[in-house]
Each structure stands twice: as structure tokens, then as C-alpha cells.
Amino acid sequence: MSKVIEISDSQFDNEVVKENGTVLAYFWASWCGPCRLVSPSVNWVAENYDDRLKVVKLEVDASPNSVAFCKVEGVPAFRVFKEGKIVASYEGAIGKDKLKDFVETNI
């Protein structure tokens, strides 16, 4: 069972912005090939950092307000939130090791 929480615009405020801890928001699309390659690494991060990090994923076509709020220009995209503020961003395909480094640098 994945620890990645699938959300949409209606849940974004409560699950991300109002969250007291650190949140990794992963933006993806069903038509995005690189997103399919990145998904296992996102699941790995959710499993291995669940004590320090909440991981949510948003499908971009179904979440236009969140996409605009986070200024997502391409997928896959990642935003790290702390206390409701974006503290780090990454866009594009990313390997497991680089995603791990990105997460560790920002939690």
C-alpha cells in the first residue's frame, strides 16, 4: 500500500498549505511518460521518509488551481512545502538518487 496521498484542488489547502510539517507535492499527468518513470521513486520516498515528510500527488489536468498556485510549468514537478510555503522546486524527470538528495536537502 502506497503512502503517497492522491489529492486534488479541493484538498490542496488542508493537505498541503495548512499542514504543520513538511510536504512533498508531486505533480504528474497520465499522458506523461517521464511521470511513469518517476512514480516508483516517489513511492520509495513516501515509504522511507514517512516519519518526516508527507507525500501528496496531484494530477495536473484535474488540479488547475494547485498547478497555478505552485507555478507548475511542466511535469513531473515537485514542490516542497514547510509551514504552507514553497521552500524548494524541481521540474523534470529525476532519478531516485537525485530525488533522495532533493528531499534530504529540504526536510
PDB file of N, CA and C in Angstrom:
ATOM      1  N   MET A   1       0.844  -1.191   0.000  1.00  0.00           N
ATOM      2  CA  MET A   1       0.000   0.000   0.000  1.00  0.00           C
ATOM      3  C   MET A   1       0.887   1.252   0.000  1.00  0.00           C
ATOM      4  N   SER A   2       0.660   2.096  -0.947  1.00  0.00           N
ATOM      5  CA  SER A   2       1.466   3.302  -1.080  1.00  0.00           C
ATOM      6  C   SER A   2       1.122   4.316   0.010  1.00  0.00           C
ATOM      7  N   LYS A   3       2.133   5.014   0.468  1.00  0.00           N
ATOM      8  CA  LYS A   3       1.925   6.069   1.460  1.00  0.00           C
ATOM      9  C   LYS A   3       1.762   7.422   0.781  1.00  0.00           C
ATOM     10  N   VAL A   4       1.750   7.432  -0.554  1.00  0.00           N
ATOM     11  CA  VAL A   4       1.509   8.655  -1.305  1.00  0.00           C
ATOM     12  C   VAL A   4       0.006   8.930  -1.271  1.00  0.00           C
ATOM     13  N   ILE A   5      -0.363  10.143  -0.896  1.00  0.00           N
ATOM     14  CA  ILE A   5      -1.769  10.525  -0.798  1.00  0.00           C
ATOM     15  C   ILE A   5      -2.174  11.248  -2.080  1.00  0.00           C
ATOM     16  N   GLU A   6      -3.147  10.702  -2.799  1.00  0.00           N
ATOM     17  CA  GLU A   6      -3.644  11.343  -4.015  1.00  0.00           C
ATOM     18  C   GLU A   6      -4.680  12.385  -3.633  1.00  0.00           C
ATOM     19  N   ILE A   7      -4.441  13.623  -4.068  1.00  0.00           N
ATOM     20  CA  ILE A   7      -5.363  14.711  -3.759  1.00  0.00           C
ATOM     21  C   ILE A   7      -5.674  15.495  -5.027  1.00  0.00           C
ATOM     22  N   SER A   8      -6.626  16.420  -4.900  1.00  0.00           N
ATOM     23  CA  SER A   8      -6.960  17.334  -5.993  1.00  0.00           C
ATOM     24  C   SER A   8      -7.101  18.738  -5.403  1.00  0.00           C
ATOM     25  N   ASP A   9      -7.520  19.679  -6.239  1.00  0.00           N
ATOM     26  CA  ASP A   9      -7.634  21.069  -5.798  1.00  0.00           C
ATOM     27  C   ASP A   9      -8.421  21.227  -4.505  1.00  0.00           C
ATOM     28  N   SER A  10      -9.520  20.491  -4.373  1.00  0.00           N
ATOM     29  CA  SER A  10     -10.392  20.667  -3.211  1.00  0.00           C
ATOM     30  C   SER A  10      -9.713  20.283  -1.893  1.00  0.00           C
ATOM     31  N   GLN A  11      -8.690  19.441  -1.951  1.00  0.00           N
ATOM     32  CA  GLN A  11      -7.993  19.011  -0.740  1.00  0.00           C
ATOM     33  C   GLN A  11      -6.649  19.710  -0.530  1.00  0.00           C
ATOM     34  N   PHE A  12      -6.199  20.449  -1.519  1.00  0.00           N
ATOM     35  CA  PHE A  12      -4.855  21.030  -1.501  1.00  0.00           C
ATOM     36  C   PHE A  12      -4.618  21.914  -0.272  1.00  0.00           C
ATOM     37  N   ASP A  13      -5.553  22.776   0.024  1.00  0.00           N
ATOM     38  CA  ASP A  13      -5.371  23.699   1.142  1.00  0.00           C
ATOM     39  C   ASP A  13      -5.181  22.941   2.456  1.00  0.00           C
ATOM     40  N   ASN A  14      -6.055  21.984   2.745  1.00  0.00           N
ATOM     41  CA  ASN A  14      -5.965  21.239   4.001  1.00  0.00           C
ATOM     42  C   ASN A  14      -4.778  20.290   4.046  1.00  0.00           C
ATOM     43  N   GLU A  15      -4.494  19.601   2.952  1.00  0.00           N
ATOM     44  CA  GLU A  15      -3.443  18.581   2.934  1.00  0.00           C
ATOM     45  C   GLU A  15      -2.035  19.157   2.783  1.00  0.00           C
ATOM     46  N   VAL A  16      -1.921  20.354   2.203  1.00  0.00           N
ATOM     47  CA  VAL A  16      -0.591  20.915   1.919  1.00  0.00           C
ATOM     48  C   VAL A  16      -0.373  22.248   2.627  1.00  0.00           C
ATOM     49  N   VAL A  17      -1.170  23.243   2.297  1.00  0.00           N
ATOM     50  CA  VAL A  17      -0.934  24.600   2.799  1.00  0.00           C
ATOM     51  C   VAL A  17      -1.110  24.681   4.318  1.00  0.00           C
ATOM     52  N   LYS A  18      -2.108  24.012   4.867  1.00  0.00           N
ATOM     53  CA  LYS A  18      -2.363  24.090   6.308  1.00  0.00           C
ATOM     54  C   LYS A  18      -1.616  23.024   7.111  1.00  0.00           C
ATOM     55  N   GLU A  19      -0.843  22.203   6.443  1.00  0.00           N
ATOM     56  CA  GLU A  19      -0.074  21.146   7.122  1.00  0.00           C
ATOM     57  C   GLU A  19       1.061  21.790   7.922  1.00  0.00           C
ATOM     58  N   ASN A  20       1.247  21.353   9.159  1.00  0.00           N
ATOM     59  CA  ASN A  20       2.293  21.915  10.017  1.00  0.00           C
ATOM     60  C   ASN A  20       3.682  21.400   9.656  1.00  0.00           C
ATOM     61  N   GLY A  21       3.768  20.201   9.130  1.00  0.00           N
ATOM     62  CA  GLY A  21       5.061  19.613   8.816  1.00  0.00           C
ATOM     63  C   GLY A  21       5.501  19.901   7.390  1.00  0.00           C
ATOM     64  N   THR A  22       6.431  19.101   6.922  1.00  0.00           N
ATOM     65  CA  THR A  22       6.970  19.229   5.574  1.00  0.00           C
ATOM     66  C   THR A  22       6.168  18.339   4.623  1.00  0.00           C
ATOM     67  N   VAL A  23       5.845  18.896   3.451  1.00  0.00           N
ATOM     68  CA  VAL A  23       5.070  18.170   2.450  1.00  0.00           C
ATOM     69  C   VAL A  23       5.797  18.219   1.106  1.00  0.00           C
ATOM     70  N   LEU A  24       5.895  17.056   0.460  1.00  0.00           N
ATOM     71  CA  LEU A  24       6.383  16.985  -0.916  1.00  0.00           C
ATOM     72  C   LEU A  24       5.162  16.824  -1.803  1.00  0.00           C
ATOM     73  N   ALA A  25       4.913  17.807  -2.653  1.00  0.00           N
ATOM     74  CA  ALA A  25       3.812  17.731  -3.612  1.00  0.00           C
ATOM     75  C   ALA A  25       4.388  17.319  -4.965  1.00  0.00           C
ATOM     76  N   TYR A  26       3.865  16.229  -5.491  1.00  0.00           N
ATOM     77  CA  TYR A  26       4.317  15.671  -6.766  1.00  0.00           C
ATOM     78  C   TYR A  26       3.210  15.885  -7.794  1.00  0.00           C
ATOM     79  N   PHE A  27       3.522  16.639  -8.827  1.00  0.00           N
ATOM     80  CA  PHE A  27       2.567  16.917  -9.898  1.00  0.00           C
ATOM     81  C   PHE A  27       2.871  16.009 -11.080  1.00  0.00           C
ATOM     82  N   TRP A  28       1.837  15.350 -11.594  1.00  0.00           N
ATOM     83  CA  TRP A  28       2.022  14.360 -12.647  1.00  0.00           C
ATOM     84  C   TRP A  28       0.839  14.412 -13.621  1.00  0.00           C
ATOM     85  N   ALA A  29       0.949  13.650 -14.703  1.00  0.00           N
ATOM     86  CA  ALA A  29      -0.137  13.529 -15.673  1.00  0.00           C
ATOM     87  C   ALA A  29      -0.133  12.112 -16.230  1.00  0.00           C
ATOM     88  N   SER A  30      -1.317  11.603 -16.525  1.00  0.00           N
ATOM     89  CA  SER A  30      -1.438  10.231 -17.047  1.00  0.00           C
ATOM     90  C   SER A  30      -0.778  10.094 -18.413  1.00  0.00           C
ATOM     91  N   TRP A  31      -0.700  11.178 -19.180  1.00  0.00           N
ATOM     92  CA  TRP A  31      -0.116  11.154 -20.518  1.00  0.00           C
ATOM     93  C   TRP A  31       1.398  11.405 -20.509  1.00  0.00           C
ATOM     94  N   CYS A  32       1.974  11.543 -19.332  1.00  0.00           N
ATOM     95  CA  CYS A  32       3.390  11.914 -19.190  1.00  0.00           C
ATOM     96  C   CYS A  32       4.265  10.669 -18.983  1.00  0.00           C
ATOM     97  N   GLY A  33       5.045  10.325 -19.998  1.00  0.00           N
ATOM     98  CA  GLY A  33       5.953   9.179 -19.895  1.00  0.00           C
ATOM     99  C   GLY A  33       6.957   9.302 -18.765  1.00  0.00           C
ATOM    100  N   PRO A  34       7.667  10.437 -18.637  1.00  0.00           N
ATOM    101  CA  PRO A  34       8.618  10.587 -17.539  1.00  0.00           C
ATOM    102  C   PRO A  34       7.964  10.460 -16.161  1.00  0.00           C
ATOM    103  N   CYS A  35       6.689  10.820 -16.049  1.00  0.00           N
ATOM    104  CA  CYS A  35       5.989  10.677 -14.757  1.00  0.00           C
ATOM    105  C   CYS A  35       5.909   9.208 -14.352  1.00  0.00           C
ATOM    106  N   ARG A  36       5.678   8.335 -15.338  1.00  0.00           N
ATOM    107  CA  ARG A  36       5.611   6.898 -15.036  1.00  0.00           C
ATOM    108  C   ARG A  36       6.965   6.382 -14.564  1.00  0.00           C
ATOM    109  N   LEU A  37       8.036   6.953 -15.080  1.00  0.00           N
ATOM    110  CA  LEU A  37       9.380   6.544 -14.662  1.00  0.00           C
ATOM    111  C   LEU A  37       9.704   7.043 -13.245  1.00  0.00           C
ATOM    112  N   VAL A  38       9.198   8.206 -12.886  1.00  0.00           N
ATOM    113  CA  VAL A  38       9.492   8.821 -11.598  1.00  0.00           C
ATOM    114  C   VAL A  38       8.636   8.238 -10.472  1.00  0.00           C
ATOM    115  N   SER A  39       7.440   7.767 -10.785  1.00  0.00           N
ATOM    116  CA  SER A  39       6.493   7.317  -9.751  1.00  0.00           C
ATOM    117  C   SER A  39       7.068   6.313  -8.748  1.00  0.00           C
ATOM    118  N   PRO A  40       7.818   5.291  -9.184  1.00  0.00           N
ATOM    119  CA  PRO A  40       8.382   4.368  -8.187  1.00  0.00           C
ATOM    120  C   PRO A  40       9.307   5.063  -7.184  1.00  0.00           C
ATOM    121  N   SER A  41      10.043   6.057  -7.639  1.00  0.00           N
ATOM    122  CA  SER A  41      10.932   6.799  -6.731  1.00  0.00           C
ATOM    123  C   SER A  41      10.131   7.634  -5.742  1.00  0.00           C
ATOM    124  N   VAL A  42       9.018   8.201  -6.201  1.00  0.00           N
ATOM    125  CA  VAL A  42       8.150   8.974  -5.309  1.00  0.00           C
ATOM    126  C   VAL A  42       7.577   8.048  -4.239  1.00  0.00           C
ATOM    127  N   ASN A  43       7.148   6.858  -4.648  1.00  0.00           N
ATOM    128  CA  ASN A  43       6.639   5.879  -3.681  1.00  0.00           C
ATOM    129  C   ASN A  43       7.726   5.497  -2.683  1.00  0.00           C
ATOM    130  N   TRP A  44       8.951   5.329  -3.159  1.00  0.00           N
ATOM    131  CA  TRP A  44      10.079   4.989  -2.276  1.00  0.00           C
ATOM    132  C   TRP A  44      10.298   6.094  -1.242  1.00  0.00           C
ATOM    133  N   VAL A  45      10.265   7.351  -1.680  1.00  0.00           N
ATOM    134  CA  VAL A  45      10.428   8.479  -0.751  1.00  0.00           C
ATOM    135  C   VAL A  45       9.317   8.458   0.297  1.00  0.00           C
ATOM    136  N   ALA A  46       8.081   8.241  -0.134  1.00  0.00           N
ATOM    137  CA  ALA A  46       6.952   8.216   0.808  1.00  0.00           C
ATOM    138  C   ALA A  46       7.115   7.111   1.841  1.00  0.00           C
ATOM    139  N   GLU A  47       7.617   5.964   1.425  1.00  0.00           N
ATOM    140  CA  GLU A  47       7.818   4.840   2.343  1.00  0.00           C
ATOM    141  C   GLU A  47       8.965   5.089   3.317  1.00  0.00           C
ATOM    142  N   ASN A  48      10.041   5.686   2.822  1.00  0.00           N
ATOM    143  CA  ASN A  48      11.263   5.803   3.624  1.00  0.00           C
ATOM    144  C   ASN A  48      11.387   7.086   4.438  1.00  0.00           C
ATOM    145  N   TYR A  49      10.563   8.076   4.150  1.00  0.00           N
ATOM    146  CA  TYR A  49      10.629   9.344   4.872  1.00  0.00           C
ATOM    147  C   TYR A  49       9.303   9.675   5.544  1.00  0.00           C
ATOM    148  N   ASP A  50       8.439   8.688   5.720  1.00  0.00           N
ATOM    149  CA  ASP A  50       7.098   8.952   6.247  1.00  0.00           C
ATOM    150  C   ASP A  50       7.108   9.503   7.662  1.00  0.00           C
ATOM    151  N   ASP A  51       8.209   9.366   8.376  1.00  0.00           N
ATOM    152  CA  ASP A  51       8.301   9.926   9.726  1.00  0.00           C
ATOM    153  C   ASP A  51       8.625  11.421   9.714  1.00  0.00           C
ATOM    154  N   ARG A  52       9.076  11.937   8.565  1.00  0.00           N
ATOM    155  CA  ARG A  52       9.484  13.338   8.481  1.00  0.00           C
ATOM    156  C   ARG A  52       8.835  14.110   7.351  1.00  0.00           C
ATOM    157  N   LEU A  53       8.097  13.404   6.491  1.00  0.00           N
ATOM    158  CA  LEU A  53       7.634  14.017   5.248  1.00  0.00           C
ATOM    159  C   LEU A  53       6.309  13.404   4.825  1.00  0.00           C
ATOM    160  N   LYS A  54       5.362  14.260   4.482  1.00  0.00           N
ATOM    161  CA  LYS A  54       4.100  13.823   3.897  1.00  0.00           C
ATOM    162  C   LYS A  54       4.232  13.978   2.383  1.00  0.00           C
ATOM    163  N   VAL A  55       3.845  12.951   1.627  1.00  0.00           N
ATOM    164  CA  VAL A  55       3.949  12.999   0.170  1.00  0.00           C
ATOM    165  C   VAL A  55       2.545  12.958  -0.424  1.00  0.00           C
ATOM    166  N   VAL A  56       2.239  13.977  -1.235  1.00  0.00           N
ATOM    167  CA  VAL A  56       0.958  14.021  -1.933  1.00  0.00           C
ATOM    168  C   VAL A  56       1.222  14.089  -3.435  1.00  0.00           C
ATOM    169  N   LYS A  57       0.272  13.573  -4.223  1.00  0.00           N
ATOM    170  CA  LYS A  57       0.405  13.679  -5.671  1.00  0.00           C
ATOM    171  C   LYS A  57      -0.867  14.254  -6.247  1.00  0.00           C
ATOM    172  N   LEU A  58      -0.681  15.112  -7.230  1.00  0.00           N
ATOM    173  CA  LEU A  58      -1.799  15.779  -7.879  1.00  0.00           C
ATOM    174  C   LEU A  58      -1.704  15.580  -9.381  1.00  0.00           C
ATOM    175  N   GLU A  59      -2.796  15.163  -9.980  1.00  0.00           N
ATOM    176  CA  GLU A  59      -2.877  15.025 -11.431  1.00  0.00           C
ATOM    177  C   GLU A  59      -3.134  16.426 -11.973  1.00  0.00           C
ATOM    178  N   VAL A  60      -2.256  16.924 -12.841  1.00  0.00           N
ATOM    179  CA  VAL A  60      -2.304  18.331 -13.236  1.00  0.00           C
ATOM    180  C   VAL A  60      -3.585  18.732 -13.953  1.00  0.00           C
ATOM    181  N   ASP A  61      -4.104  17.866 -14.813  1.00  0.00           N
ATOM    182  CA  ASP A  61      -5.305  18.232 -15.563  1.00  0.00           C
ATOM    183  C   ASP A  61      -6.522  18.380 -14.652  1.00  0.00           C
ATOM    184  N   ALA A  62      -6.548  17.652 -13.552  1.00  0.00           N
ATOM    185  CA  ALA A  62      -7.677  17.698 -12.617  1.00  0.00           C
ATOM    186  C   ALA A  62      -7.465  18.726 -11.503  1.00  0.00           C
ATOM    187  N   SER A  63      -6.306  19.367 -11.462  1.00  0.00           N
ATOM    188  CA  SER A  63      -5.973  20.285 -10.357  1.00  0.00           C
ATOM    189  C   SER A  63      -5.410  21.613 -10.869  1.00  0.00           C
ATOM    190  N   PRO A  64      -6.143  22.325 -11.724  1.00  0.00           N
ATOM    191  CA  PRO A  64      -5.594  23.552 -12.319  1.00  0.00           C
ATOM    192  C   PRO A  64      -5.290  24.657 -11.316  1.00  0.00           C
ATOM    193  N   ASN A  65      -6.059  24.740 -10.239  1.00  0.00           N
ATOM    194  CA  ASN A  65      -5.809  25.790  -9.245  1.00  0.00           C
ATOM    195  C   ASN A  65      -4.503  25.552  -8.492  1.00  0.00           C
ATOM    196  N   SER A  66      -4.252  24.307  -8.130  1.00  0.00           N
ATOM    197  CA  SER A  66      -2.996  23.969  -7.438  1.00  0.00           C
ATOM    198  C   SER A  66      -1.799  24.155  -8.362  1.00  0.00           C
ATOM    199  N   VAL A  67      -1.974  23.787  -9.627  1.00  0.00           N
ATOM    200  CA  VAL A  67      -0.917  23.968 -10.624  1.00  0.00           C
ATOM    201  C   VAL A  67      -0.562  25.449 -10.741  1.00  0.00           C
ATOM    202  N   ALA A  68      -1.582  26.300 -10.808  1.00  0.00           N
ATOM    203  CA  ALA A  68      -1.348  27.743 -10.917  1.00  0.00           C
ATOM    204  C   ALA A  68      -0.703  28.285  -9.641  1.00  0.00           C
ATOM    205  N   PHE A  69      -1.196  27.853  -8.478  1.00  0.00           N
ATOM    206  CA  PHE A  69      -0.664  28.312  -7.199  1.00  0.00           C
ATOM    207  C   PHE A  69       0.822  27.983  -7.082  1.00  0.00           C
ATOM    208  N   CYS A  70       1.199  26.793  -7.536  1.00  0.00           N
ATOM    209  CA  CYS A  70       2.589  26.340  -7.424  1.00  0.00           C
ATOM    210  C   CYS A  70       3.443  26.692  -8.632  1.00  0.00           C
ATOM    211  N   LYS A  71       2.836  27.380  -9.605  1.00  0.00           N
ATOM    212  CA  LYS A  71       3.542  27.803 -10.817  1.00  0.00           C
ATOM    213  C   LYS A  71       4.223  26.624 -11.528  1.00  0.00           C
ATOM    214  N   VAL A  72       3.485  25.519 -11.644  1.00  0.00           N
ATOM    215  CA  VAL A  72       3.992  24.339 -12.341  1.00  0.00           C
ATOM    216  C   VAL A  72       3.938  24.599 -13.832  1.00  0.00           C
ATOM    217  N   GLU A  73       5.075  24.455 -14.508  1.00  0.00           N
ATOM    218  CA  GLU A  73       5.150  24.698 -15.946  1.00  0.00           C
ATOM    219  C   GLU A  73       5.308  23.420 -16.746  1.00  0.00           C
ATOM    220  N   GLY A  74       5.717  22.343 -16.115  1.00  0.00           N
ATOM    221  CA  GLY A  74       5.883  21.065 -16.804  1.00  0.00           C
ATOM    222  C   GLY A  74       5.829  19.938 -15.789  1.00  0.00           C
ATOM    223  N   VAL A  75       5.621  18.734 -16.290  1.00  0.00           N
ATOM    224  CA  VAL A  75       5.564  17.565 -15.404  1.00  0.00           C
ATOM    225  C   VAL A  75       6.596  16.545 -15.842  1.00  0.00           C
ATOM    226  N   PRO A  76       7.095  15.751 -14.910  1.00  0.00           N
ATOM    227  CA  PRO A  76       6.797  15.782 -13.483  1.00  0.00           C
ATOM    228  C   PRO A  76       7.366  17.028 -12.808  1.00  0.00           C
ATOM    229  N   ALA A  77       6.713  17.419 -11.716  1.00  0.00           N
ATOM    230  CA  ALA A  77       7.164  18.587 -10.957  1.00  0.00           C
ATOM    231  C   ALA A  77       7.036  18.288  -9.469  1.00  0.00           C
ATOM    232  N   PHE A  78       7.925  18.877  -8.708  1.00  0.00           N
ATOM    233  CA  PHE A  78       7.949  18.681  -7.257  1.00  0.00           C
ATOM    234  C   PHE A  78       8.013  20.030  -6.563  1.00  0.00           C
ATOM    235  N   ARG A  79       7.262  20.146  -5.479  1.00  0.00           N
ATOM    236  CA  ARG A  79       7.327  21.328  -4.625  1.00  0.00           C
ATOM    237  C   ARG A  79       7.418  20.838  -3.182  1.00  0.00           C
ATOM    238  N   VAL A  80       8.361  21.397  -2.444  1.00  0.00           N
ATOM    239  CA  VAL A  80       8.466  21.091  -1.017  1.00  0.00           C
ATOM    240  C   VAL A  80       7.877  22.274  -0.264  1.00  0.00           C
ATOM    241  N   PHE A  81       6.932  21.966   0.618  1.00  0.00           N
ATOM    242  CA  PHE A  81       6.273  22.966   1.450  1.00  0.00           C
ATOM    243  C   PHE A  81       6.689  22.770   2.900  1.00  0.00           C
ATOM    244  N   LYS A  82       6.946  23.896   3.560  1.00  0.00           N
ATOM    245  CA  LYS A  82       7.137  23.905   5.012  1.00  0.00           C
ATOM    246  C   LYS A  82       6.255  25.008   5.547  1.00  0.00           C
ATOM    247  N   GLU A  83       5.417  24.646   6.518  1.00  0.00           N
ATOM    248  CA  GLU A  83       4.511  25.621   7.135  1.00  0.00           C
ATOM    249  C   GLU A  83       3.711  26.380   6.072  1.00  0.00           C
ATOM    250  N   GLY A  84       3.299  25.680   5.016  1.00  0.00           N
ATOM    251  CA  GLY A  84       2.443  26.272   3.999  1.00  0.00           C
ATOM    252  C   GLY A  84       3.136  27.073   2.920  1.00  0.00           C
ATOM    253  N   LYS A  85       4.456  27.148   2.967  1.00  0.00           N
ATOM    254  CA  LYS A  85       5.215  27.935   1.985  1.00  0.00           C
ATOM    255  C   LYS A  85       6.108  27.022   1.156  1.00  0.00           C
ATOM    256  N   ILE A  86       6.231  27.339  -0.129  1.00  0.00           N
ATOM    257  CA  ILE A  86       7.121  26.576  -1.002  1.00  0.00           C
ATOM    258  C   ILE A  86       8.559  26.944  -0.656  1.00  0.00           C
ATOM    259  N   VAL A  87       9.362  25.927  -0.317  1.00  0.00           N
ATOM    260  CA  VAL A  87      10.763  26.175   0.025  1.00  0.00           C
ATOM    261  C   VAL A  87      11.719  25.592  -1.015  1.00  0.00           C
ATOM    262  N   ALA A  88      11.211  24.726  -1.901  1.00  0.00           N
ATOM    263  CA  ALA A  88      12.058  24.156  -2.940  1.00  0.00           C
ATOM    264  C   ALA A  88      11.188  23.673  -4.095  1.00  0.00           C
ATOM    265  N   SER A  89      11.747  23.756  -5.295  1.00  0.00           N
ATOM    266  CA  SER A  89      11.036  23.328  -6.500  1.00  0.00           C
ATOM    267  C   SER A  89      11.975  22.552  -7.411  1.00  0.00           C
ATOM    268  N   TYR A  90      11.391  21.608  -8.137  1.00  0.00           N
ATOM    269  CA  TYR A  90      12.138  20.872  -9.149  1.00  0.00           C
ATOM    270  C   TYR A  90      11.149  20.464 -10.226  1.00  0.00           C
ATOM    271  N   GLU A  91      11.539  20.630 -11.485  1.00  0.00           N
ATOM    272  CA  GLU A  91      10.698  20.185 -12.592  1.00  0.00           C
ATOM    273  C   GLU A  91      11.526  19.334 -13.524  1.00  0.00           C
ATOM    274  N   GLY A  92      10.890  18.249 -14.006  1.00  0.00           N
ATOM    275  CA  GLY A  92      11.547  17.342 -14.934  1.00  0.00           C
ATOM    276  C   GLY A  92      11.774  15.977 -14.306  1.00  0.00           C
ATOM    277  N   ALA A  93      12.105  15.033 -15.171  1.00  0.00           N
ATOM    278  CA  ALA A  93      12.372  13.673 -14.694  1.00  0.00           C
ATOM    279  C   ALA A  93      13.581  13.707 -13.763  1.00  0.00           C
ATOM    280  N   ILE A  94      13.531  12.879 -12.735  1.00  0.00           N
ATOM    281  CA  ILE A  94      14.595  12.852 -11.741  1.00  0.00           C
ATOM    282  C   ILE A  94      14.783  11.409 -11.289  1.00  0.00           C
ATOM    283  N   GLY A  95      16.015  10.986 -11.189  1.00  0.00           N
ATOM    284  CA  GLY A  95      16.310   9.634 -10.732  1.00  0.00           C
ATOM    285  C   GLY A  95      16.139   9.518  -9.226  1.00  0.00           C
ATOM    286  N   LYS A  96      16.091   8.291  -8.750  1.00  0.00           N
ATOM    287  CA  LYS A  96      15.869   8.034  -7.326  1.00  0.00           C
ATOM    288  C   LYS A  96      16.929   8.715  -6.457  1.00  0.00           C
ATOM    289  N   ASP A  97      18.201   8.602  -6.832  1.00  0.00           N
ATOM    290  CA  ASP A  97      19.265   9.193  -6.015  1.00  0.00           C
ATOM    291  C   ASP A  97      19.149  10.711  -5.949  1.00  0.00           C
ATOM    292  N   LYS A  98      18.843  11.340  -7.090  1.00  0.00           N
ATOM    293  CA  LYS A  98      18.705  12.800  -7.093  1.00  0.00           C
ATOM    294  C   LYS A  98      17.456  13.237  -6.339  1.00  0.00           C
ATOM    295  N   LEU A  99      16.383  12.451  -6.452  1.00  0.00           N
ATOM    296  CA  LEU A  99      15.176  12.775  -5.696  1.00  0.00           C
ATOM    297  C   LEU A  99      15.446  12.643  -4.203  1.00  0.00           C
ATOM    298  N   LYS A 100      16.175  11.609  -3.824  1.00  0.00           N
ATOM    299  CA  LYS A 100      16.552  11.430  -2.415  1.00  0.00           C
ATOM    300  C   LYS A 100      17.363  12.626  -1.921  1.00  0.00           C
ATOM    301  N   ASP A 101      18.349  13.067  -2.712  1.00  0.00           N
ATOM    302  CA  ASP A 101      19.158  14.227  -2.338  1.00  0.00           C
ATOM    303  C   ASP A 101      18.299  15.484  -2.217  1.00  0.00           C
ATOM    304  N   PHE A 102      17.360  15.678  -3.169  1.00  0.00           N
ATOM    305  CA  PHE A 102      16.455  16.831  -3.164  1.00  0.00           C
ATOM    306  C   PHE A 102      15.621  16.835  -1.880  1.00  0.00           C
ATOM    307  N   VAL A 103      15.095  15.688  -1.528  1.00  0.00           N
ATOM    308  CA  VAL A 103      14.278  15.563  -0.323  1.00  0.00           C
ATOM    309  C   VAL A 103      15.124  15.801   0.922  1.00  0.00           C
ATOM    310  N   GLU A 104      16.272  15.140   1.021  1.00  0.00           N
ATOM    311  CA  GLU A 104      17.105  15.271   2.228  1.00  0.00           C
ATOM    312  C   GLU A 104      17.597  16.708   2.421  1.00  0.00           C
ATOM    313  N   THR A 105      17.854  17.410   1.349  1.00  0.00           N
ATOM    314  CA  THR A 105      18.298  18.789   1.436  1.00  0.00           C
ATOM    315  C   THR A 105      17.198  19.699   1.971  1.00  0.00           C
ATOM    316  N   ASN A 106      15.940  19.307   1.753  1.00  0.00           N
ATOM    317  CA  ASN A 106      14.835  20.210   2.037  1.00  0.00           C
ATOM    318  C   ASN A 106      13.883  19.781   3.159  1.00  0.00           C
ATOM    319  N   ILE A 107      14.229  18.695   3.889  1.00  0.00           N
ATOM    320  CA  ILE A 107      13.356  18.332   5.010  1.00  0.00           C
ATOM    321  C   ILE A 107      13.954  18.743   6.336  1.00  0.00           C
TER     322      ILE A 107
END
